[in-house]
C-alpha atoms as a PDB file:
ATOM      1  CA  UNK A   1       0.000   0.000   0.000  1.00  0.00           C
ATOM      2  CA  UNK A   2       1.324   3.471  -0.883  1.00  0.00           C
ATOM      3  CA  UNK A   3       0.180   6.939   0.086  1.00  0.00           C
ATOM      4  CA  UNK A   4       0.780   9.464  -2.683  1.00  0.00           C
ATOM      5  CA  UNK A   5       0.383  13.176  -1.795  1.00  0.00           C
ATOM      6  CA  UNK A   6      -1.230  15.318  -4.495  1.00  0.00           C
ATOM      7  CA  UNK A   7      -0.255  18.996  -4.579  1.00  0.00           C
ATOM      8  CA  UNK A   8      -2.348  21.082  -4.741  1.00  0.00           C
ATOM      9  CA  UNK A   9      -4.924  18.919  -2.929  1.00  0.00           C
ATOM     10  CA  UNK A  10      -7.583  17.300  -5.111  1.00  0.00           C
ATOM     11  CA  UNK A  11     -11.219  17.722  -3.970  1.00  0.00           C
ATOM     12  CA  UNK A  12     -13.503  14.778  -4.827  1.00  0.00           C
ATOM     13  CA  UNK A  13     -16.475  16.903  -3.756  1.00  0.00           C
ATOM     14  CA  UNK A  14     -15.854  19.075  -6.813  1.00  0.00           C
ATOM     15  CA  UNK A  15     -16.617  16.060  -9.008  1.00  0.00           C
ATOM     16  CA  UNK A  16     -19.933  14.906  -7.574  1.00  0.00           C
ATOM     17  CA  UNK A  17     -21.510  15.095 -11.026  1.00  0.00           C
ATOM     18  CA  UNK A  18     -19.320  12.207 -12.218  1.00  0.00           C
ATOM     19  CA  UNK A  19     -19.693  10.381  -8.898  1.00  0.00           C
ATOM     20  CA  UNK A  20     -23.481  10.500  -9.254  1.00  0.00           C
ATOM     21  CA  UNK A  21     -23.333   8.886 -12.706  1.00  0.00           C
ATOM     22  CA  UNK A  22     -21.654   5.737 -11.403  1.00  0.00           C
ATOM     23  CA  UNK A  23     -23.667   2.614 -10.628  1.00  0.00           C
ATOM     24  CA  UNK A  24     -24.327   2.450  -6.878  1.00  0.00           C
ATOM     25  CA  UNK A  25     -21.618   0.672  -4.868  1.00  0.00           C
ATOM     26  CA  UNK A  26     -21.631  -0.247  -1.192  1.00  0.00           C
ATOM     27  CA  UNK A  27     -19.601   1.537   1.473  1.00  0.00           C
ATOM     28  CA  UNK A  28     -18.517   4.432  -0.719  1.00  0.00           C
ATOM     29  CA  UNK A  29     -16.459   7.349   0.626  1.00  0.00           C
ATOM     30  CA  UNK A  30     -19.120   9.960  -0.271  1.00  0.00           C
ATOM     31  CA  UNK A  31     -22.874   9.787   0.302  1.00  0.00           C
ATOM     32  CA  UNK A  32     -25.163  10.476  -2.637  1.00  0.00           C
ATOM     33  CA  UNK A  33     -25.962  13.968  -1.271  1.00  0.00           C
ATOM     34  CA  UNK A  34     -22.278  14.918  -1.037  1.00  0.00           C
ATOM     35  CA  UNK A  35     -21.506  14.200   2.612  1.00  0.00           C
ATOM     36  CA  UNK A  36     -18.011  12.736   3.162  1.00  0.00           C
ATOM     37  CA  UNK A  37     -18.053   9.545   5.227  1.00  0.00           C
ATOM     38  CA  UNK A  38     -15.468   9.698   8.000  1.00  0.00           C
ATOM     39  CA  UNK A  39     -13.604   6.433   7.605  1.00  0.00           C
ATOM     40  CA  UNK A  40     -10.328   5.306   6.029  1.00  0.00           C
ATOM     41  CA  UNK A  41      -9.156   3.262   3.062  1.00  0.00           C
ATOM     42  CA  UNK A  42     -12.269   3.040   0.932  1.00  0.00           C
ATOM     43  CA  UNK A  43     -12.328   0.791  -2.106  1.00  0.00           C
ATOM     44  CA  UNK A  44     -13.618   2.673  -5.155  1.00  0.00           C
ATOM     45  CA  UNK A  45     -14.457   1.554  -8.699  1.00  0.00           C
ATOM     46  CA  UNK A  46     -11.609   1.649 -11.206  1.00  0.00           C
ATOM     47  CA  UNK A  47     -13.552   4.160 -13.314  1.00  0.00           C
ATOM     48  CA  UNK A  48     -13.745   6.578 -10.385  1.00  0.00           C
ATOM     49  CA  UNK A  49     -10.060   6.203  -9.559  1.00  0.00           C
ATOM     50  CA  UNK A  50      -9.109   6.787 -13.195  1.00  0.00           C
ATOM     51  CA  UNK A  51     -11.328   9.901 -13.256  1.00  0.00           C
ATOM     52  CA  UNK A  52      -9.656  11.310 -10.144  1.00  0.00           C
ATOM     53  CA  UNK A  53      -6.170  10.662 -11.521  1.00  0.00           C
ATOM     54  CA  UNK A  54      -7.043  12.163 -14.886  1.00  0.00           C
ATOM     55  CA  UNK A  55      -8.349  15.350 -13.268  1.00  0.00           C
ATOM     56  CA  UNK A  56      -5.473  15.773 -10.841  1.00  0.00           C
ATOM     57  CA  UNK A  57      -2.229  17.570 -11.617  1.00  0.00           C
ATOM     58  CA  UNK A  58      -0.235  14.362 -11.590  1.00  0.00           C
ATOM     59  CA  UNK A  59       1.920  13.884 -14.670  1.00  0.00           C
ATOM     60  CA  UNK A  60       1.727  10.740 -16.786  1.00  0.00           C
ATOM     61  CA  UNK A  61       5.020   9.659 -15.214  1.00  0.00           C
ATOM     62  CA  UNK A  62       3.561  10.057 -11.711  1.00  0.00           C
ATOM     63  CA  UNK A  63       0.518   7.980 -12.611  1.00  0.00           C
ATOM     64  CA  UNK A  64       2.632   5.199 -14.107  1.00  0.00           C
ATOM     65  CA  UNK A  65       4.806   5.234 -10.989  1.00  0.00           C
ATOM     66  CA  UNK A  66       1.723   4.826  -8.790  1.00  0.00           C
ATOM     67  CA  UNK A  67       0.224   2.036 -10.878  1.00  0.00           C
ATOM     68  CA  UNK A  68       3.386   0.090 -11.710  1.00  0.00           C
ATOM     69  CA  UNK A  69       3.578  -3.557 -10.689  1.00  0.00           C
ATOM     70  CA  UNK A  70       5.902  -4.128  -7.739  1.00  0.00           C
ATOM     71  CA  UNK A  71       6.911  -7.816  -7.376  1.00  0.00           C
ATOM     72  CA  UNK A  72       8.281  -7.158  -3.890  1.00  0.00           C
ATOM     73  CA  UNK A  73       4.718  -6.653  -2.666  1.00  0.00           C
ATOM     74  CA  UNK A  74       4.003 -10.322  -3.369  1.00  0.00           C
ATOM     75  CA  UNK A  75       7.085 -11.349  -1.392  1.00  0.00           C
ATOM     76  CA  UNK A  76       5.858  -9.388   1.625  1.00  0.00           C
ATOM     77  CA  UNK A  77       2.359 -10.845   1.306  1.00  0.00           C
ATOM     78  CA  UNK A  78       3.721 -14.387   1.192  1.00  0.00           C
ATOM     79  CA  UNK A  79       5.869 -13.787   4.270  1.00  0.00           C
ATOM     80  CA  UNK A  80       2.933 -12.384   6.228  1.00  0.00           C
ATOM     81  CA  UNK A  81       0.675 -15.278   5.206  1.00  0.00           C
ATOM     82  CA  UNK A  82       3.339 -17.794   6.232  1.00  0.00           C
ATOM     83  CA  UNK A  83       3.759 -16.188   9.650  1.00  0.00           C
ATOM     84  CA  UNK A  84       0.040 -15.725  10.328  1.00  0.00           C
ATOM     85  CA  UNK A  85      -0.647 -19.386   9.579  1.00  0.00           C
ATOM     86  CA  UNK A  86       2.142 -20.707  11.821  1.00  0.00           C
ATOM     87  CA  UNK A  87       0.674 -22.633  14.808  1.00  0.00           C
ATOM     88  CA  UNK A  88       3.979 -22.411  16.693  1.00  0.00           C
ATOM     89  CA  UNK A  89       3.870 -18.642  17.221  1.00  0.00           C
ATOM     90  CA  UNK A  90       1.895 -16.508  19.646  1.00  0.00           C
ATOM     91  CA  UNK A  91       0.440 -13.143  18.581  1.00  0.00           C
ATOM     92  CA  UNK A  92       3.450 -11.148  19.829  1.00  0.00           C
ATOM     93  CA  UNK A  93       5.917 -13.351  17.954  1.00  0.00           C
ATOM     94  CA  UNK A  94       3.833 -13.106  14.782  1.00  0.00           C
ATOM     95  CA  UNK A  95       3.806  -9.321  14.990  1.00  0.00           C
ATOM     96  CA  UNK A  96       7.562  -9.132  15.575  1.00  0.00           C
ATOM     97  CA  UNK A  97       8.319 -11.471  12.681  1.00  0.00           C
ATOM     98  CA  UNK A  98       6.077  -9.565  10.283  1.00  0.00           C
ATOM     99  CA  UNK A  99       7.792  -6.295  11.169  1.00  0.00           C
ATOM    100  CA  UNK A 100      11.204  -7.932  10.869  1.00  0.00           C
ATOM    101  CA  UNK A 101      10.328  -9.126   7.385  1.00  0.00           C
ATOM    102  CA  UNK A 102       9.604  -5.532   6.411  1.00  0.00           C
ATOM    103  CA  UNK A 103      12.981  -4.386   7.699  1.00  0.00           C
ATOM    104  CA  UNK A 104      11.384  -2.804  10.766  1.00  0.00           C
ATOM    105  CA  UNK A 105      10.787  -3.438  14.424  1.00  0.00           C
ATOM    106  CA  UNK A 106      12.867  -5.742  16.523  1.00  0.00           C
ATOM    107  CA  UNK A 107      15.180  -7.024  13.775  1.00  0.00           C
ATOM    108  CA  UNK A 108      16.126  -3.539  12.614  1.00  0.00           C
ATOM    109  CA  UNK A 109      16.726  -2.379  16.186  1.00  0.00           C
ATOM    110  CA  UNK A 110      18.860  -5.440  16.917  1.00  0.00           C
ATOM    111  CA  UNK A 111      20.955  -4.964  13.773  1.00  0.00           C
ATOM    112  CA  UNK A 112      21.604  -1.322  14.628  1.00  0.00           C
ATOM    113  CA  UNK A 113      23.056  -2.359  17.978  1.00  0.00           C
ATOM    114  CA  UNK A 114      25.993  -3.922  16.118  1.00  0.00           C
ATOM    115  CA  UNK A 115      25.983  -2.125  12.739  1.00  0.00           C
ATOM    116  CA  UNK A 116      25.522   1.633  13.022  1.00  0.00           C
ATOM    117  CA  UNK A 117      26.465   2.482   9.437  1.00  0.00           C
ATOM    118  CA  UNK A 118      26.834   1.029   5.956  1.00  0.00           C
ATOM    119  CA  UNK A 119      30.173  -0.776   5.701  1.00  0.00           C
ATOM    120  CA  UNK A 120      30.770   0.446   2.145  1.00  0.00           C
ATOM    121  CA  UNK A 121      29.303   3.956   1.894  1.00  0.00           C
ATOM    122  CA  UNK A 122      29.772   4.944   5.538  1.00  0.00           C
ATOM    123  CA  UNK A 123      26.242   6.408   5.711  1.00  0.00           C
ATOM    124  CA  UNK A 124      24.913   6.289   9.287  1.00  0.00           C
ATOM    125  CA  UNK A 125      21.547   8.060   8.929  1.00  0.00           C
ATOM    126  CA  UNK A 126      19.009   5.280   9.757  1.00  0.00           C
ATOM    127  CA  UNK A 127      16.384   6.661   7.406  1.00  0.00           C
ATOM    128  CA  UNK A 128      18.666   5.994   4.444  1.00  0.00           C
ATOM    129  CA  UNK A 129      19.674   2.452   5.402  1.00  0.00           C
ATOM    130  CA  UNK A 130      18.112  -0.981   4.950  1.00  0.00           C
ATOM    131  CA  UNK A 131      18.340  -3.738   7.551  1.00  0.00           C
ATOM    132  CA  UNK A 132      19.557  -6.541   5.289  1.00  0.00           C
ATOM    133  CA  UNK A 133      19.663 -10.225   6.237  1.00  0.00           C
ATOM    134  CA  UNK A 134      22.972 -12.003   5.597  1.00  0.00           C
ATOM    135  CA  UNK A 135      21.279 -15.398   5.674  1.00  0.00           C
ATOM    136  CA  UNK A 136      18.091 -14.714   3.689  1.00  0.00           C
ATOM    137  CA  UNK A 137      14.700 -14.632   5.375  1.00  0.00           C
ATOM    138  CA  UNK A 138      13.479 -17.559   3.280  1.00  0.00           C
ATOM    139  CA  UNK A 139      16.406 -19.735   4.421  1.00  0.00           C
ATOM    140  CA  UNK A 140      16.325 -18.731   8.107  1.00  0.00           C
ATOM    141  CA  UNK A 141      14.362 -20.188  10.980  1.00  0.00           C
ATOM    142  CA  UNK A 142      12.307 -17.932  13.245  1.00  0.00           C
ATOM    143  CA  UNK A 143      15.205 -17.320  15.645  1.00  0.00           C
ATOM    144  CA  UNK A 144      17.615 -16.435  12.825  1.00  0.00           C
ATOM    145  CA  UNK A 145      15.084 -14.080  11.255  1.00  0.00           C
ATOM    146  CA  UNK A 146      15.097 -11.870  14.366  1.00  0.00           C
ATOM    147  CA  UNK A 147      18.778 -12.262  15.272  1.00  0.00           C
ATOM    148  CA  UNK A 148      20.554  -8.921  14.940  1.00  0.00           C
ATOM    149  CA  UNK A 149      23.794 -10.771  14.200  1.00  0.00           C
ATOM    150  CA  UNK A 150      22.183 -11.885  10.947  1.00  0.00           C
ATOM    151  CA  UNK A 151      21.956  -8.371   9.584  1.00  0.00           C
ATOM    152  CA  UNK A 152      23.816  -5.404   8.164  1.00  0.00           C
ATOM    153  CA  UNK A 153      22.667  -1.808   7.843  1.00  0.00           C
ATOM    154  CA  UNK A 154      23.305  -1.049   4.171  1.00  0.00           C
ATOM    155  CA  UNK A 155      22.661   1.805   1.768  1.00  0.00           C
ATOM    156  CA  UNK A 156      19.919   0.753  -0.690  1.00  0.00           C
ATOM    157  CA  UNK A 157      22.231   0.294  -3.685  1.00  0.00           C
ATOM    158  CA  UNK A 158      24.723  -1.663  -1.561  1.00  0.00           C
ATOM    159  CA  UNK A 159      21.875  -3.829  -0.240  1.00  0.00           C
ATOM    160  CA  UNK A 160      20.990  -4.545  -3.886  1.00  0.00           C
ATOM    161  CA  UNK A 161      24.536  -5.773  -4.596  1.00  0.00           C
ATOM    162  CA  UNK A 162      24.875  -7.704  -1.337  1.00  0.00           C
ATOM    163  CA  UNK A 163      21.472  -9.385  -1.607  1.00  0.00           C
ATOM    164  CA  UNK A 164      22.206 -10.540  -5.162  1.00  0.00           C
ATOM    165  CA  UNK A 165      25.686 -11.786  -4.351  1.00  0.00           C
ATOM    166  CA  UNK A 166      27.780  -9.201  -6.181  1.00  0.00           C
ATOM    167  CA  UNK A 167      29.623  -8.103  -3.034  1.00  0.00           C
ATOM    168  CA  UNK A 168      30.447  -9.713   0.298  1.00  0.00           C
ATOM    169  CA  UNK A 169      32.952  -9.342   3.129  1.00  0.00           C
ATOM    170  CA  UNK A 170      35.850 -11.221   4.630  1.00  0.00           C
ATOM    171  CA  UNK A 171      35.651 -11.953   8.340  1.00  0.00           C
ATOM    172  CA  UNK A 172      38.234  -9.193   8.769  1.00  0.00           C
ATOM    173  CA  UNK A 173      35.847  -6.633   7.253  1.00  0.00           C
ATOM    174  CA  UNK A 174      37.522  -6.313   3.850  1.00  0.00           C
ATOM    175  CA  UNK A 175      35.209  -6.108   0.838  1.00  0.00           C
ATOM    176  CA  UNK A 176      35.104  -8.869  -1.791  1.00  0.00           C
ATOM    177  CA  UNK A 177      33.703  -8.019  -5.222  1.00  0.00           C
ATOM    178  CA  UNK A 178      32.321 -10.613  -7.623  1.00  0.00           C
ATOM    179  CA  UNK A 179      33.939 -10.865 -11.046  1.00  0.00           C
ATOM    180  CA  UNK A 180      30.403 -10.960 -12.444  1.00  0.00           C
ATOM    181  CA  UNK A 181      29.733  -7.373 -11.385  1.00  0.00           C
ATOM    182  CA  UNK A 182      29.933  -4.960 -14.290  1.00  0.00           C
ATOM    183  CA  UNK A 183      32.691  -2.492 -13.255  1.00  0.00           C
ATOM    184  CA  UNK A 184      30.618   0.365 -14.654  1.00  0.00           C
ATOM    185  CA  UNK A 185      28.089  -0.068 -11.831  1.00  0.00           C
ATOM    186  CA  UNK A 186      30.336   0.731  -8.833  1.00  0.00           C
ATOM    187  CA  UNK A 187      32.063   3.415 -10.906  1.00  0.00           C
ATOM    188  CA  UNK A 188      28.803   5.244 -11.568  1.00  0.00           C
ATOM    189  CA  UNK A 189      27.635   4.701  -7.976  1.00  0.00           C
ATOM    190  CA  UNK A 190      31.034   5.957  -6.743  1.00  0.00           C
ATOM    191  CA  UNK A 191      31.506   3.006  -4.400  1.00  0.00           C
ATOM    192  CA  UNK A 192      34.849   2.654  -2.643  1.00  0.00           C
ATOM    193  CA  UNK A 193      35.588  -1.059  -2.480  1.00  0.00           C
ATOM    194  CA  UNK A 194      39.015  -0.388  -0.993  1.00  0.00           C
ATOM    195  CA  UNK A 195      37.333   0.799   2.189  1.00  0.00           C
ATOM    196  CA  UNK A 196      38.330  -1.434   5.120  1.00  0.00           C
ATOM    197  CA  UNK A 197      35.795  -1.905   7.889  1.00  0.00           C
ATOM    198  CA  UNK A 198      36.164  -3.406  11.313  1.00  0.00           C
ATOM    199  CA  UNK A 199      36.204  -7.145  11.692  1.00  0.00           C
ATOM    200  CA  UNK A 200      33.014  -9.091  12.228  1.00  0.00           C
ATOM    201  CA  UNK A 201      32.174 -10.478  15.652  1.00  0.00           C
ATOM    202  CA  UNK A 202      32.012 -14.241  16.152  1.00  0.00           C
ATOM    203  CA  UNK A 203      28.162 -14.427  16.322  1.00  0.00           C
ATOM    204  CA  UNK A 204      27.995 -12.632  12.955  1.00  0.00           C
ATOM    205  CA  UNK A 205      30.490 -14.847  11.155  1.00  0.00           C
ATOM    206  CA  UNK A 206      28.220 -17.895  10.824  1.00  0.00           C
ATOM    207  CA  UNK A 207      25.713 -15.785   8.887  1.00  0.00           C
ATOM    208  CA  UNK A 208      28.384 -14.022   6.856  1.00  0.00           C
ATOM    209  CA  UNK A 209      29.882 -17.378   5.877  1.00  0.00           C
ATOM    210  CA  UNK A 210      26.468 -18.516   4.678  1.00  0.00           C
ATOM    211  CA  UNK A 211      26.195 -15.425   2.490  1.00  0.00           C
ATOM    212  CA  UNK A 212      29.691 -15.967   1.093  1.00  0.00           C
ATOM    213  CA  UNK A 213      29.132 -19.673   0.422  1.00  0.00           C
ATOM    214  CA  UNK A 214      25.523 -19.667  -0.807  1.00  0.00           C
ATOM    215  CA  UNK A 215      24.747 -16.185  -2.150  1.00  0.00           C
ATOM    216  CA  UNK A 216      27.998 -14.606  -3.316  1.00  0.00           C
ATOM    217  CA  UNK A 217      28.759 -15.100  -7.028  1.00  0.00           C
ATOM    218  CA  UNK A 218      32.347 -16.242  -6.746  1.00  0.00           C
ATOM    219  CA  UNK A 219      32.834 -17.456 -10.314  1.00  0.00           C
END
């Protein structure tokens, strides 16, 4: 789900003539006489949504960006469904695992205890970092999914490379780059692969070794 601000604000009440032409639908956001119903997240017909978008000041690019298909949404949905259906978890554990899967909550807080900044870019502002699993979520058990030792705080483009196995780290903290990575990519992203970070702690190494052995593209 995404919230997209429209500036200047768009007033549906100014388009009641079109709204009144639609076939009746249950639980609409506006009553037939123009009164706004005070609730949240109404489902509306596609024709009404298209009308609102067409009459807003959004550009064609903005509309395409809103409507584009995002495969990651399916990954999140599958994770949530898997957790919610697990008979071995209580409600608190389910909530924590769902938030961890979204890079939030307990997992993110636990990772930040050990990894305050991105090991390649040096960025330390939390709002610009992703809590990335070293041993992937899909391959981890419930304990490993929440273990802060199983994570790194990475800049988004570094997370992309790490998650797909184009970069990894030695136990000493040195960066290893896959020969399969197009050298143009780090050049354009201005990534310093000579940067030497601190060594990894023992509880982190088991996860890092998994990433090196199973994810990293060594060939």
